[in-house]
PDB file of N, CA and C in Angstrom:
ATOM      1  N   MET A   1      85.164   8.668   5.275  1.00  0.00           N
ATOM      2  CA  MET A   1      86.479   8.107   5.473  1.00  0.00           C
ATOM      3  C   MET A   1      87.370   8.616   4.341  1.00  0.00           C
ATOM      4  N   ILE A   2      88.623   8.777   4.632  1.00  0.00           N
ATOM      5  CA  ILE A   2      89.583   9.286   3.661  1.00  0.00           C
ATOM      6  C   ILE A   2      90.169   8.117   2.864  1.00  0.00           C
ATOM      7  N   ILE A   3      90.257   8.295   1.554  1.00  0.00           N
ATOM      8  CA  ILE A   3      90.876   7.296   0.686  1.00  0.00           C
ATOM      9  C   ILE A   3      92.225   7.836   0.232  1.00  0.00           C
ATOM     10  N   LYS A   4      93.265   7.050   0.475  1.00  0.00           N
ATOM     11  CA  LYS A   4      94.604   7.376  -0.017  1.00  0.00           C
ATOM     12  C   LYS A   4      95.045   6.234  -0.919  1.00  0.00           C
ATOM     13  N   PHE A   5      96.076   6.474  -1.689  1.00  0.00           N
ATOM     14  CA  PHE A   5      96.562   5.460  -2.616  1.00  0.00           C
ATOM     15  C   PHE A   5      98.063   5.289  -2.455  1.00  0.00           C
ATOM     16  N   GLU A   6      98.563   4.091  -2.791  1.00  0.00           N
ATOM     17  CA  GLU A   6     100.004   3.831  -2.683  1.00  0.00           C
ATOM     18  C   GLU A   6     100.802   4.813  -3.520  1.00  0.00           C
ATOM     19  N   THR A   7     100.330   5.100  -4.729  1.00  0.00           N
ATOM     20  CA  THR A   7     101.006   6.043  -5.623  1.00  0.00           C
ATOM     21  C   THR A   7      99.961   6.850  -6.386  1.00  0.00           C
ATOM     22  N   SER A   8     100.381   7.950  -6.970  1.00  0.00           N
ATOM     23  CA  SER A   8      99.454   8.754  -7.779  1.00  0.00           C
ATOM     24  C   SER A   8      99.059   8.004  -9.048  1.00  0.00           C
ATOM     25  N   ARG A   9      99.938   7.160  -9.539  1.00  0.00           N
ATOM     26  CA  ARG A   9      99.612   6.353 -10.729  1.00  0.00           C
ATOM     27  C   ARG A   9      98.460   5.384 -10.434  1.00  0.00           C
ATOM     28  N   ILE A  10      98.502   4.772  -9.255  1.00  0.00           N
ATOM     29  CA  ILE A  10      97.421   3.868  -8.851  1.00  0.00           C
ATOM     30  C   ILE A  10      96.120   4.654  -8.687  1.00  0.00           C
ATOM     31  N   GLU A  11      96.201   5.839  -8.107  1.00  0.00           N
ATOM     32  CA  GLU A  11      95.014   6.684  -7.955  1.00  0.00           C
ATOM     33  C   GLU A  11      94.408   6.999  -9.327  1.00  0.00           C
ATOM     34  N   ASP A  12      95.237   7.352 -10.289  1.00  0.00           N
ATOM     35  CA  ASP A  12      94.751   7.641 -11.638  1.00  0.00           C
ATOM     36  C   ASP A  12      94.040   6.427 -12.234  1.00  0.00           C
ATOM     37  N   GLU A  13      94.591   5.236 -11.989  1.00  0.00           N
ATOM     38  CA  GLU A  13      93.967   4.018 -12.519  1.00  0.00           C
ATOM     39  C   GLU A  13      92.573   3.810 -11.925  1.00  0.00           C
ATOM     40  N   TYR A  14      92.426   4.021 -10.621  1.00  0.00           N
ATOM     41  CA  TYR A  14      91.141   3.816  -9.965  1.00  0.00           C
ATOM     42  C   TYR A  14      90.053   4.731 -10.527  1.00  0.00           C
ATOM     43  N   TYR A  15      90.406   5.941 -10.881  1.00  0.00           N
ATOM     44  CA  TYR A  15      89.407   6.903 -11.338  1.00  0.00           C
ATOM     45  C   TYR A  15      89.288   6.977 -12.860  1.00  0.00           C
ATOM     46  N   ASP A  16      90.004   6.109 -13.577  1.00  0.00           N
ATOM     47  CA  ASP A  16      89.869   6.001 -15.034  1.00  0.00           C
ATOM     48  C   ASP A  16      88.842   4.906 -15.319  1.00  0.00           C
ATOM     49  N   ILE A  17      87.572   5.286 -15.288  1.00  0.00           N
ATOM     50  CA  ILE A  17      86.482   4.307 -15.415  1.00  0.00           C
ATOM     51  C   ILE A  17      86.577   3.530 -16.722  1.00  0.00           C
ATOM     52  N   ASN A  18      86.875   4.199 -17.825  1.00  0.00           N
ATOM     53  CA  ASN A  18      86.976   3.497 -19.105  1.00  0.00           C
ATOM     54  C   ASN A  18      88.137   2.512 -19.099  1.00  0.00           C
ATOM     55  N   GLY A  19      89.266   2.901 -18.498  1.00  0.00           N
ATOM     56  CA  GLY A  19      90.412   2.001 -18.400  1.00  0.00           C
ATOM     57  C   GLY A  19      90.105   0.790 -17.530  1.00  0.00           C
ATOM     58  N   ILE A  20      89.436   1.021 -16.419  1.00  0.00           N
ATOM     59  CA  ILE A  20      89.037  -0.083 -15.526  1.00  0.00           C
ATOM     60  C   ILE A  20      88.100  -1.029 -16.263  1.00  0.00           C
ATOM     61  N   LYS A  21      87.149  -0.460 -16.983  1.00  0.00           N
ATOM     62  CA  LYS A  21      86.171  -1.268 -17.723  1.00  0.00           C
ATOM     63  C   LYS A  21      86.876  -2.154 -18.753  1.00  0.00           C
ATOM     64  N   LYS A  22      87.845  -1.597 -19.483  1.00  0.00           N
ATOM     65  CA  LYS A  22      88.569  -2.365 -20.495  1.00  0.00           C
ATOM     66  C   LYS A  22      89.431  -3.460 -19.868  1.00  0.00           C
ATOM     67  N   LYS A  23      90.089  -3.138 -18.777  1.00  0.00           N
ATOM     68  CA  LYS A  23      91.036  -4.075 -18.173  1.00  0.00           C
ATOM     69  C   LYS A  23      90.378  -5.152 -17.311  1.00  0.00           C
ATOM     70  N   TYR A  24      89.319  -4.764 -16.559  1.00  0.00           N
ATOM     71  CA  TYR A  24      88.738  -5.689 -15.581  1.00  0.00           C
ATOM     72  C   TYR A  24      87.284  -6.064 -15.873  1.00  0.00           C
ATOM     73  N   GLY A  25      86.640  -5.391 -16.805  1.00  0.00           N
ATOM     74  CA  GLY A  25      85.266  -5.722 -17.167  1.00  0.00           C
ATOM     75  C   GLY A  25      84.235  -4.763 -16.587  1.00  0.00           C
ATOM     76  N   GLN A  26      83.053  -4.790 -17.174  1.00  0.00           N
ATOM     77  CA  GLN A  26      81.952  -3.891 -16.818  1.00  0.00           C
ATOM     78  C   GLN A  26      81.494  -4.079 -15.371  1.00  0.00           C
ATOM     79  N   VAL A  27      81.307  -5.322 -14.941  1.00  0.00           N
ATOM     80  CA  VAL A  27      80.787  -5.593 -13.599  1.00  0.00           C
ATOM     81  C   VAL A  27      81.753  -5.067 -12.537  1.00  0.00           C
ATOM     82  N   PHE A  28      83.047  -5.325 -12.727  1.00  0.00           N
ATOM     83  CA  PHE A  28      84.052  -4.850 -11.770  1.00  0.00           C
ATOM     84  C   PHE A  28      84.085  -3.328 -11.756  1.00  0.00           C
ATOM     85  N   SER A  29      84.015  -2.718 -12.932  1.00  0.00           N
ATOM     86  CA  SER A  29      84.067  -1.260 -13.048  1.00  0.00           C
ATOM     87  C   SER A  29      82.933  -0.596 -12.275  1.00  0.00           C
ATOM     88  N   VAL A  30      81.724  -1.083 -12.461  1.00  0.00           N
ATOM     89  CA  VAL A  30      80.562  -0.524 -11.756  1.00  0.00           C
ATOM     90  C   VAL A  30      80.704  -0.749 -10.249  1.00  0.00           C
ATOM     91  N   GLY A  31      81.114  -1.953  -9.864  1.00  0.00           N
ATOM     92  CA  GLY A  31      81.290  -2.262  -8.446  1.00  0.00           C
ATOM     93  C   GLY A  31      82.351  -1.402  -7.794  1.00  0.00           C
ATOM     94  N   LEU A  32      83.452  -1.164  -8.504  1.00  0.00           N
ATOM     95  CA  LEU A  32      84.536  -0.338  -7.960  1.00  0.00           C
ATOM     96  C   LEU A  32      84.072   1.099  -7.749  1.00  0.00           C
ATOM     97  N   GLU A  33      83.343   1.625  -8.720  1.00  0.00           N
ATOM     98  CA  GLU A  33      82.836   2.993  -8.594  1.00  0.00           C
ATOM     99  C   GLU A  33      81.898   3.126  -7.386  1.00  0.00           C
ATOM    100  N   LYS A  34      81.026   2.152  -7.206  1.00  0.00           N
ATOM    101  CA  LYS A  34      80.112   2.162  -6.054  1.00  0.00           C
ATOM    102  C   LYS A  34      80.884   2.016  -4.739  1.00  0.00           C
ATOM    103  N   MET A  35      81.889   1.140  -4.738  1.00  0.00           N
ATOM    104  CA  MET A  35      82.662   0.916  -3.520  1.00  0.00           C
ATOM    105  C   MET A  35      83.424   2.169  -3.110  1.00  0.00           C
ATOM    106  N   LEU A  36      84.043   2.851  -4.060  1.00  0.00           N
ATOM    107  CA  LEU A  36      84.767   4.087  -3.736  1.00  0.00           C
ATOM    108  C   LEU A  36      83.820   5.139  -3.161  1.00  0.00           C
ATOM    109  N   GLY A  37      82.609   5.226  -3.720  1.00  0.00           N
ATOM    110  CA  GLY A  37      81.615   6.153  -3.180  1.00  0.00           C
ATOM    111  C   GLY A  37      81.188   5.770  -1.775  1.00  0.00           C
ATOM    112  N   ALA A  38      81.029   4.472  -1.551  1.00  0.00           N
ATOM    113  CA  ALA A  38      80.638   3.993  -0.215  1.00  0.00           C
ATOM    114  C   ALA A  38      81.724   4.296   0.809  1.00  0.00           C
ATOM    115  N   ILE A  39      82.975   4.011   0.462  1.00  0.00           N
ATOM    116  CA  ILE A  39      84.084   4.275   1.387  1.00  0.00           C
ATOM    117  C   ILE A  39      84.146   5.759   1.720  1.00  0.00           C
ATOM    118  N   ASP A  40      83.985   6.585   0.711  1.00  0.00           N
ATOM    119  CA  ASP A  40      84.041   8.039   0.900  1.00  0.00           C
ATOM    120  C   ASP A  40      82.972   8.528   1.882  1.00  0.00           C
ATOM    121  N   SER A  41      81.831   7.860   1.916  1.00  0.00           N
ATOM    122  CA  SER A  41      80.731   8.313   2.770  1.00  0.00           C
ATOM    123  C   SER A  41      80.736   7.682   4.173  1.00  0.00           C
ATOM    124  N   MET A  42      81.627   6.754   4.421  1.00  0.00           N
ATOM    125  CA  MET A  42      81.661   6.055   5.710  1.00  0.00           C
ATOM    126  C   MET A  42      82.469   6.820   6.753  1.00  0.00           C
ATOM    127  N   GLU A  43      82.169   6.529   8.012  1.00  0.00           N
ATOM    128  CA  GLU A  43      82.908   7.145   9.119  1.00  0.00           C
ATOM    129  C   GLU A  43      84.181   6.399   9.450  1.00  0.00           C
ATOM    130  N   CYS A  44      84.127   5.068   9.374  1.00  0.00           N
ATOM    131  CA  CYS A  44      85.291   4.272   9.746  1.00  0.00           C
ATOM    132  C   CYS A  44      85.316   2.971   8.946  1.00  0.00           C
ATOM    133  N   ALA A  45      86.439   2.259   9.017  1.00  0.00           N
ATOM    134  CA  ALA A  45      86.607   1.015   8.262  1.00  0.00           C
ATOM    135  C   ALA A  45      85.659  -0.077   8.746  1.00  0.00           C
ATOM    136  N   TYR A  46      85.221  -0.005   9.974  1.00  0.00           N
ATOM    137  CA  TYR A  46      84.283  -1.011  10.492  1.00  0.00           C
ATOM    138  C   TYR A  46      82.964  -0.959   9.720  1.00  0.00           C
ATOM    139  N   ASP A  47      82.550   0.229   9.287  1.00  0.00           N
ATOM    140  CA  ASP A  47      81.331   0.353   8.477  1.00  0.00           C
ATOM    141  C   ASP A  47      81.463  -0.440   7.185  1.00  0.00           C
ATOM    142  N   LEU A  48      82.654  -0.428   6.591  1.00  0.00           N
ATOM    143  CA  LEU A  48      82.911  -1.175   5.357  1.00  0.00           C
ATOM    144  C   LEU A  48      82.898  -2.677   5.622  1.00  0.00           C
ATOM    145  N   LYS A  49      83.478  -3.076   6.724  1.00  0.00           N
ATOM    146  CA  LYS A  49      83.514  -4.496   7.104  1.00  0.00           C
ATOM    147  C   LYS A  49      82.101  -5.049   7.296  1.00  0.00           C
ATOM    148  N   CYS A  50      81.178  -4.205   7.728  1.00  0.00           N
ATOM    149  CA  CYS A  50      79.800  -4.629   7.990  1.00  0.00           C
ATOM    150  C   CYS A  50      78.960  -4.798   6.709  1.00  0.00           C
ATOM    151  N   LEU A  51      79.467  -4.325   5.577  1.00  0.00           N
ATOM    152  CA  LEU A  51      78.750  -4.491   4.309  1.00  0.00           C
ATOM    153  C   LEU A  51      79.203  -5.792   3.643  1.00  0.00           C
ATOM    154  N   PRO A  52      78.350  -6.804   3.601  1.00  0.00           N
ATOM    155  CA  PRO A  52      78.786  -8.116   3.092  1.00  0.00           C
ATOM    156  C   PRO A  52      79.149  -8.133   1.609  1.00  0.00           C
ATOM    157  N   GLN A  53      78.626  -7.210   0.810  1.00  0.00           N
ATOM    158  CA  GLN A  53      78.898  -7.263  -0.629  1.00  0.00           C
ATOM    159  C   GLN A  53      80.358  -7.011  -0.984  1.00  0.00           C
ATOM    160  N   TYR A  54      81.130  -6.387  -0.092  1.00  0.00           N
ATOM    161  CA  TYR A  54      82.544  -6.130  -0.392  1.00  0.00           C
ATOM    162  C   TYR A  54      83.476  -7.193   0.176  1.00  0.00           C
ATOM    163  N   ARG A  55      82.948  -8.124   0.948  1.00  0.00           N
ATOM    164  CA  ARG A  55      83.678  -9.275   1.473  1.00  0.00           C
ATOM    165  C   ARG A  55      85.057  -8.903   2.044  1.00  0.00           C
ATOM    166  N   MET A  56      85.060  -7.877   2.872  1.00  0.00           N
ATOM    167  CA  MET A  56      86.314  -7.401   3.464  1.00  0.00           C
ATOM    168  C   MET A  56      86.842  -8.423   4.461  1.00  0.00           C
ATOM    169  N   HIS A  57      88.066  -8.872   4.222  1.00  0.00           N
ATOM    170  CA  HIS A  57      88.706  -9.791   5.164  1.00  0.00           C
ATOM    171  C   HIS A  57      90.208  -9.558   5.149  1.00  0.00           C
ATOM    172  N   MET A  58      90.843  -9.905   6.258  1.00  0.00           N
ATOM    173  CA  MET A  58      92.283  -9.705   6.378  1.00  0.00           C
ATOM    174  C   MET A  58      93.017 -10.891   5.761  1.00  0.00           C
ATOM    175  N   LEU A  59      94.092 -10.563   5.065  1.00  0.00           N
ATOM    176  CA  LEU A  59      94.940 -11.594   4.486  1.00  0.00           C
ATOM    177  C   LEU A  59      95.938 -12.077   5.533  1.00  0.00           C
ATOM    178  N   HIS A  60      96.542 -13.207   5.261  1.00  0.00           N
ATOM    179  CA  HIS A  60      97.461 -13.820   6.224  1.00  0.00           C
ATOM    180  C   HIS A  60      98.845 -13.993   5.614  1.00  0.00           C
ATOM    181  N   GLY A  61      99.744 -14.533   6.391  1.00  0.00           N
ATOM    182  CA  GLY A  61     101.107 -14.781   5.928  1.00  0.00           C
ATOM    183  C   GLY A  61     101.862 -13.485   5.712  1.00  0.00           C
ATOM    184  N   ASP A  62     102.566 -13.397   4.584  1.00  0.00           N
ATOM    185  CA  ASP A  62     103.357 -12.195   4.320  1.00  0.00           C
ATOM    186  C   ASP A  62     102.489 -10.984   3.986  1.00  0.00           C
ATOM    187  N   MET A  63     101.191 -11.197   3.840  1.00  0.00           N
ATOM    188  CA  MET A  63     100.260 -10.088   3.573  1.00  0.00           C
ATOM    189  C   MET A  63      99.414  -9.754   4.805  1.00  0.00           C
ATOM    190  N   HIS A  64      99.838 -10.227   5.981  1.00  0.00           N
ATOM    191  CA  HIS A  64      99.104  -9.960   7.224  1.00  0.00           C
ATOM    192  C   HIS A  64      98.943  -8.449   7.429  1.00  0.00           C
ATOM    193  N   GLY A  65      97.738  -8.052   7.779  1.00  0.00           N
ATOM    194  CA  GLY A  65      97.458  -6.636   8.017  1.00  0.00           C
ATOM    195  C   GLY A  65      96.873  -5.931   6.810  1.00  0.00           C
ATOM    196  N   ILE A  66      96.890  -6.610   5.663  1.00  0.00           N
ATOM    197  CA  ILE A  66      96.282  -6.047   4.456  1.00  0.00           C
ATOM    198  C   ILE A  66      94.898  -6.664   4.312  1.00  0.00           C
ATOM    199  N   TYR A  67      93.914  -5.817   4.044  1.00  0.00           N
ATOM    200  CA  TYR A  67      92.554  -6.292   3.844  1.00  0.00           C
ATOM    201  C   TYR A  67      92.280  -6.448   2.360  1.00  0.00           C
ATOM    202  N   SER A  68      91.468  -7.431   2.026  1.00  0.00           N
ATOM    203  CA  SER A  68      91.051  -7.659   0.657  1.00  0.00           C
ATOM    204  C   SER A  68      89.604  -7.199   0.513  1.00  0.00           C
ATOM    205  N   LEU A  69      89.329  -6.458  -0.548  1.00  0.00           N
ATOM    206  CA  LEU A  69      87.976  -6.008  -0.857  1.00  0.00           C
ATOM    207  C   LEU A  69      87.583  -6.533  -2.236  1.00  0.00           C
ATOM    208  N   SER A  70      86.351  -6.952  -2.373  1.00  0.00           N
ATOM    209  CA  SER A  70      85.853  -7.476  -3.640  1.00  0.00           C
ATOM    210  C   SER A  70      84.715  -6.580  -4.131  1.00  0.00           C
ATOM    211  N   PRO A  71      85.018  -5.605  -4.985  1.00  0.00           N
ATOM    212  CA  PRO A  71      83.986  -4.661  -5.444  1.00  0.00           C
ATOM    213  C   PRO A  71      82.837  -5.313  -6.201  1.00  0.00           C
ATOM    214  N   ASP A  72      83.093  -6.468  -6.813  1.00  0.00           N
ATOM    215  CA  ASP A  72      82.060  -7.114  -7.630  1.00  0.00           C
ATOM    216  C   ASP A  72      81.503  -8.372  -6.970  1.00  0.00           C
ATOM    217  N   ASN A  73      81.583  -8.431  -5.648  1.00  0.00           N
ATOM    218  CA  ASN A  73      81.010  -9.543  -4.882  1.00  0.00           C
ATOM    219  C   ASN A  73      81.544 -10.898  -5.355  1.00  0.00           C
ATOM    220  N   LYS A  74      82.854 -10.949  -5.600  1.00  0.00           N
ATOM    221  CA  LYS A  74      83.577 -12.169  -5.986  1.00  0.00           C
ATOM    222  C   LYS A  74      83.160 -12.725  -7.344  1.00  0.00           C
ATOM    223  N   LYS A  75      82.650 -11.887  -8.241  1.00  0.00           N
ATOM    224  CA  LYS A  75      82.299 -12.372  -9.569  1.00  0.00           C
ATOM    225  C   LYS A  75      83.526 -12.490 -10.464  1.00  0.00           C
ATOM    226  N   SER A  76      84.597 -11.829 -10.103  1.00  0.00           N
ATOM    227  CA  SER A  76      85.851 -11.947 -10.842  1.00  0.00           C
ATOM    228  C   SER A  76      86.968 -12.279  -9.858  1.00  0.00           C
ATOM    229  N   LYS A  77      88.148 -12.498 -10.386  1.00  0.00           N
ATOM    230  CA  LYS A  77      89.292 -12.824  -9.531  1.00  0.00           C
ATOM    231  C   LYS A  77      89.969 -11.593  -8.958  1.00  0.00           C
ATOM    232  N   TRP A  78      89.584 -10.400  -9.399  1.00  0.00           N
ATOM    233  CA  TRP A  78      90.278  -9.171  -9.028  1.00  0.00           C
ATOM    234  C   TRP A  78      89.865  -8.675  -7.647  1.00  0.00           C
ATOM    235  N   ARG A  79      90.866  -8.249  -6.868  1.00  0.00           N
ATOM    236  CA  ARG A  79      90.620  -7.739  -5.528  1.00  0.00           C
ATOM    237  C   ARG A  79      91.353  -6.412  -5.328  1.00  0.00           C
ATOM    238  N   VAL A  80      90.838  -5.635  -4.388  1.00  0.00           N
ATOM    239  CA  VAL A  80      91.437  -4.354  -4.026  1.00  0.00           C
ATOM    240  C   VAL A  80      92.078  -4.519  -2.651  1.00  0.00           C
ATOM    241  N   PRO A  81      93.400  -4.328  -2.542  1.00  0.00           N
ATOM    242  CA  PRO A  81      94.047  -4.402  -1.236  1.00  0.00           C
ATOM    243  C   PRO A  81      93.904  -3.069  -0.496  1.00  0.00           C
ATOM    244  N   ALA A  82      93.625  -3.142   0.797  1.00  0.00           N
ATOM    245  CA  ALA A  82      93.445  -1.933   1.611  1.00  0.00           C
ATOM    246  C   ALA A  82      94.219  -2.074   2.921  1.00  0.00           C
ATOM    247  N   ILE A  83      94.851  -0.974   3.320  1.00  0.00           N
ATOM    248  CA  ILE A  83      95.609  -0.936   4.567  1.00  0.00           C
ATOM    249  C   ILE A  83      95.036   0.170   5.442  1.00  0.00           C
ATOM    250  N   CYS A  84      94.829  -0.136   6.716  1.00  0.00           N
ATOM    251  CA  CYS A  84      94.325   0.855   7.670  1.00  0.00           C
ATOM    252  C   CYS A  84      95.420   1.860   7.999  1.00  0.00           C
ATOM    253  N   LEU A  85      95.042   3.137   8.072  1.00  0.00           N
ATOM    254  CA  LEU A  85      95.972   4.201   8.427  1.00  0.00           C
ATOM    255  C   LEU A  85      95.483   4.919   9.670  1.00  0.00           C
ATOM    256  N   ASP A  86      96.422   5.375  10.506  1.00  0.00           N
ATOM    257  CA  ASP A  86      96.033   6.185  11.661  1.00  0.00           C
ATOM    258  C   ASP A  86      95.892   7.648  11.231  1.00  0.00           C
ATOM    259  N   ASP A  87      95.632   8.528  12.183  1.00  0.00           N
ATOM    260  CA  ASP A  87      95.415   9.947  11.871  1.00  0.00           C
ATOM    261  C   ASP A  87      96.633  10.627  11.251  1.00  0.00           C
ATOM    262  N   ASN A  88      97.814  10.042  11.446  1.00  0.00           N
ATOM    263  CA  ASN A  88      99.050  10.607  10.900  1.00  0.00           C
ATOM    264  C   ASN A  88      99.472   9.943   9.596  1.00  0.00           C
ATOM    265  N   GLY A  89      98.633   9.034   9.078  1.00  0.00           N
ATOM    266  CA  GLY A  89      98.954   8.354   7.826  1.00  0.00           C
ATOM    267  C   GLY A  89      99.873   7.158   7.985  1.00  0.00           C
ATOM    268  N   VAL A  90     100.072   6.705   9.226  1.00  0.00           N
ATOM    269  CA  VAL A  90     100.929   5.551   9.497  1.00  0.00           C
ATOM    270  C   VAL A  90     100.081   4.282   9.441  1.00  0.00           C
ATOM    271  N   GLU A  91     100.617   3.247   8.783  1.00  0.00           N
ATOM    272  CA  GLU A  91      99.900   1.976   8.672  1.00  0.00           C
ATOM    273  C   GLU A  91      99.703   1.333  10.036  1.00  0.00           C
ATOM    274  N   ARG A  92      98.516   0.740  10.208  1.00  0.00           N
ATOM    275  CA  ARG A  92      98.190   0.054  11.465  1.00  0.00           C
ATOM    276  C   ARG A  92      97.735  -1.354  11.157  1.00  0.00           C
ATOM    277  N   LYS A  93      98.179  -2.290  11.988  1.00  0.00           N
ATOM    278  CA  LYS A  93      97.780  -3.684  11.845  1.00  0.00           C
ATOM    279  C   LYS A  93      97.293  -4.186  13.189  1.00  0.00           C
ATOM    280  N   PRO A  94      96.339  -5.116  13.179  1.00  0.00           N
ATOM    281  CA  PRO A  94      95.923  -5.708  14.454  1.00  0.00           C
ATOM    282  C   PRO A  94      97.105  -6.425  15.107  1.00  0.00           C
ATOM    283  N   SER A  95      97.141  -6.409  16.406  1.00  0.00           N
ATOM    284  CA  SER A  95      98.204  -7.094  17.148  1.00  0.00           C
ATOM    285  C   SER A  95      97.601  -7.626  18.438  1.00  0.00           C
ATOM    286  N   GLN A  96      98.445  -8.128  19.298  1.00  0.00           N
ATOM    287  CA  GLN A  96      97.950  -8.603  20.588  1.00  0.00           C
ATOM    288  C   GLN A  96      97.390  -7.446  21.404  1.00  0.00           C
ATOM    289  N   ASP A  97      97.924  -6.245  21.192  1.00  0.00           N
ATOM    290  CA  ASP A  97      97.470  -5.070  21.936  1.00  0.00           C
ATOM    291  C   ASP A  97      96.223  -4.431  21.323  1.00  0.00           C
ATOM    292  N   ILE A  98      96.065  -4.570  20.007  1.00  0.00           N
ATOM    293  CA  ILE A  98      94.943  -3.929  19.305  1.00  0.00           C
ATOM    294  C   ILE A  98      94.106  -5.003  18.619  1.00  0.00           C
ATOM    295  N   GLU A  99      92.882  -5.177  19.069  1.00  0.00           N
ATOM    296  CA  GLU A  99      92.000  -6.141  18.442  1.00  0.00           C
ATOM    297  C   GLU A  99      91.515  -5.600  17.106  1.00  0.00           C
ATOM    298  N   GLU A 100      91.207  -6.502  16.191  1.00  0.00           N
ATOM    299  CA  GLU A 100      90.820  -6.106  14.840  1.00  0.00           C
ATOM    300  C   GLU A 100      89.596  -5.185  14.825  1.00  0.00           C
ATOM    301  N   ILE A 101      88.568  -5.505  15.583  1.00  0.00           N
ATOM    302  CA  ILE A 101      87.348  -4.679  15.570  1.00  0.00           C
ATOM    303  C   ILE A 101      87.651  -3.267  16.061  1.00  0.00           C
ATOM    304  N   ASN A 102      88.440  -3.142  17.122  1.00  0.00           N
ATOM    305  CA  ASN A 102      88.802  -1.812  17.623  1.00  0.00           C
ATOM    306  C   ASN A 102      89.621  -1.048  16.592  1.00  0.00           C
ATOM    307  N   LEU A 103      90.534  -1.739  15.932  1.00  0.00           N
ATOM    308  CA  LEU A 103      91.346  -1.112  14.894  1.00  0.00           C
ATOM    309  C   LEU A 103      90.447  -0.562  13.784  1.00  0.00           C
ATOM    310  N   LEU A 104      89.497  -1.363  13.333  1.00  0.00           N
ATOM    311  CA  LEU A 104      88.610  -0.931  12.258  1.00  0.00           C
ATOM    312  C   LEU A 104      87.723   0.238  12.689  1.00  0.00           C
ATOM    313  N   LYS A 105      87.266   0.222  13.928  1.00  0.00           N
ATOM    314  CA  LYS A 105      86.425   1.316  14.423  1.00  0.00           C
ATOM    315  C   LYS A 105      87.211   2.618  14.564  1.00  0.00           C
ATOM    316  N   GLU A 106      88.520   2.516  14.796  1.00  0.00           N
ATOM    317  CA  GLU A 106      89.367   3.706  14.945  1.00  0.00           C
ATOM    318  C   GLU A 106      89.923   4.209  13.610  1.00  0.00           C
ATOM    319  N   THR A 107      89.829   3.406  12.569  1.00  0.00           N
ATOM    320  CA  THR A 107      90.424   3.748  11.272  1.00  0.00           C
ATOM    321  C   THR A 107      89.523   4.690  10.488  1.00  0.00           C
ATOM    322  N   LYS A 108      90.047   5.868  10.207  1.00  0.00           N
ATOM    323  CA  LYS A 108      89.308   6.893   9.452  1.00  0.00           C
ATOM    324  C   LYS A 108      89.894   7.103   8.058  1.00  0.00           C
ATOM    325  N   ALA A 109      90.938   6.320   7.716  1.00  0.00           N
ATOM    326  CA  ALA A 109      91.562   6.427   6.398  1.00  0.00           C
ATOM    327  C   ALA A 109      92.061   5.054   5.952  1.00  0.00           C
ATOM    328  N   LEU A 110      91.890   4.770   4.663  1.00  0.00           N
ATOM    329  CA  LEU A 110      92.391   3.542   4.064  1.00  0.00           C
ATOM    330  C   LEU A 110      93.341   3.889   2.934  1.00  0.00           C
ATOM    331  N   LYS A 111      94.388   3.094   2.807  1.00  0.00           N
ATOM    332  CA  LYS A 111      95.289   3.236   1.664  1.00  0.00           C
ATOM    333  C   LYS A 111      95.026   2.058   0.738  1.00  0.00           C
ATOM    334  N   LEU A 112      94.632   2.363  -0.489  1.00  0.00           N
ATOM    335  CA  LEU A 112      94.332   1.323  -1.468  1.00  0.00           C
ATOM    336  C   LEU A 112      95.549   1.077  -2.350  1.00  0.00           C
ATOM    337  N   GLY A 113      95.771  -0.187  -2.653  1.00  0.00           N
ATOM    338  CA  GLY A 113      96.907  -0.570  -3.489  1.00  0.00           C
ATOM    339  C   GLY A 113      96.468  -0.953  -4.886  1.00  0.00           C
ATOM    340  N   ARG A 114      97.374  -1.525  -5.621  1.00  0.00           N
ATOM    341  CA  ARG A 114      97.124  -1.933  -7.014  1.00  0.00           C
ATOM    342  C   ARG A 114      96.112  -3.073  -7.057  1.00  0.00           C
ATOM    343  N   ILE A 115      95.133  -2.952  -7.915  1.00  0.00           N
ATOM    344  CA  ILE A 115      94.151  -4.008  -8.126  1.00  0.00           C
ATOM    345  C   ILE A 115      94.904  -5.249  -8.610  1.00  0.00           C
ATOM    346  N   SER A 116      94.637  -6.382  -7.978  1.00  0.00           N
ATOM    347  CA  SER A 116      95.394  -7.569  -8.340  1.00  0.00           C
ATOM    348  C   SER A 116      94.639  -8.855  -8.033  1.00  0.00           C
ATOM    349  N   ASP A 117      95.212  -9.943  -8.532  1.00  0.00           N
ATOM    350  CA  ASP A 117      94.746 -11.275  -8.187  1.00  0.00           C
ATOM    351  C   ASP A 117      95.837 -11.879  -7.317  1.00  0.00           C
ATOM    352  N   TYR A 118      95.712 -11.714  -6.007  1.00  0.00           N
ATOM    353  CA  TYR A 118      96.772 -12.160  -5.102  1.00  0.00           C
ATOM    354  C   TYR A 118      96.751 -13.655  -4.896  1.00  0.00           C
ATOM    355  N   HIS A 119      95.824 -14.375  -5.529  1.00  0.00           N
ATOM    356  CA  HIS A 119      95.769 -15.830  -5.388  1.00  0.00           C
ATOM    357  C   HIS A 119      96.867 -16.520  -6.189  1.00  0.00           C
ATOM    358  N   ASP A 120      97.442 -15.822  -7.178  1.00  0.00           N
ATOM    359  CA  ASP A 120      98.508 -16.415  -8.013  1.00  0.00           C
ATOM    360  C   ASP A 120      99.774 -16.595  -7.229  1.00  0.00           C
TER     361      ASP A 120
END
């Protein structure tokens, strides 16, 4: 699966292992590195949803259509937001016409956003 990022600055942050370790801790850093490798090796977003350790779930309200990923199996408050992209790089969200499972099975690219604690 293809990994894209909201900005090049965010991409740099994800691949700065020492920076991630300092800012979010050792456990999160190791989990994030493993998660990025797992996403890279998957065929579609549904494969990621099937792995319970990342606790992939869709957010609601004003964040509807954004998925939350937990690289460290909820050991910290930090989450990775992910948005499904179609083959042209356009964001896709489940709707009445597109069921969530079908959307995830068709998604071959994810756009990752800034690591955050969206519970605040």
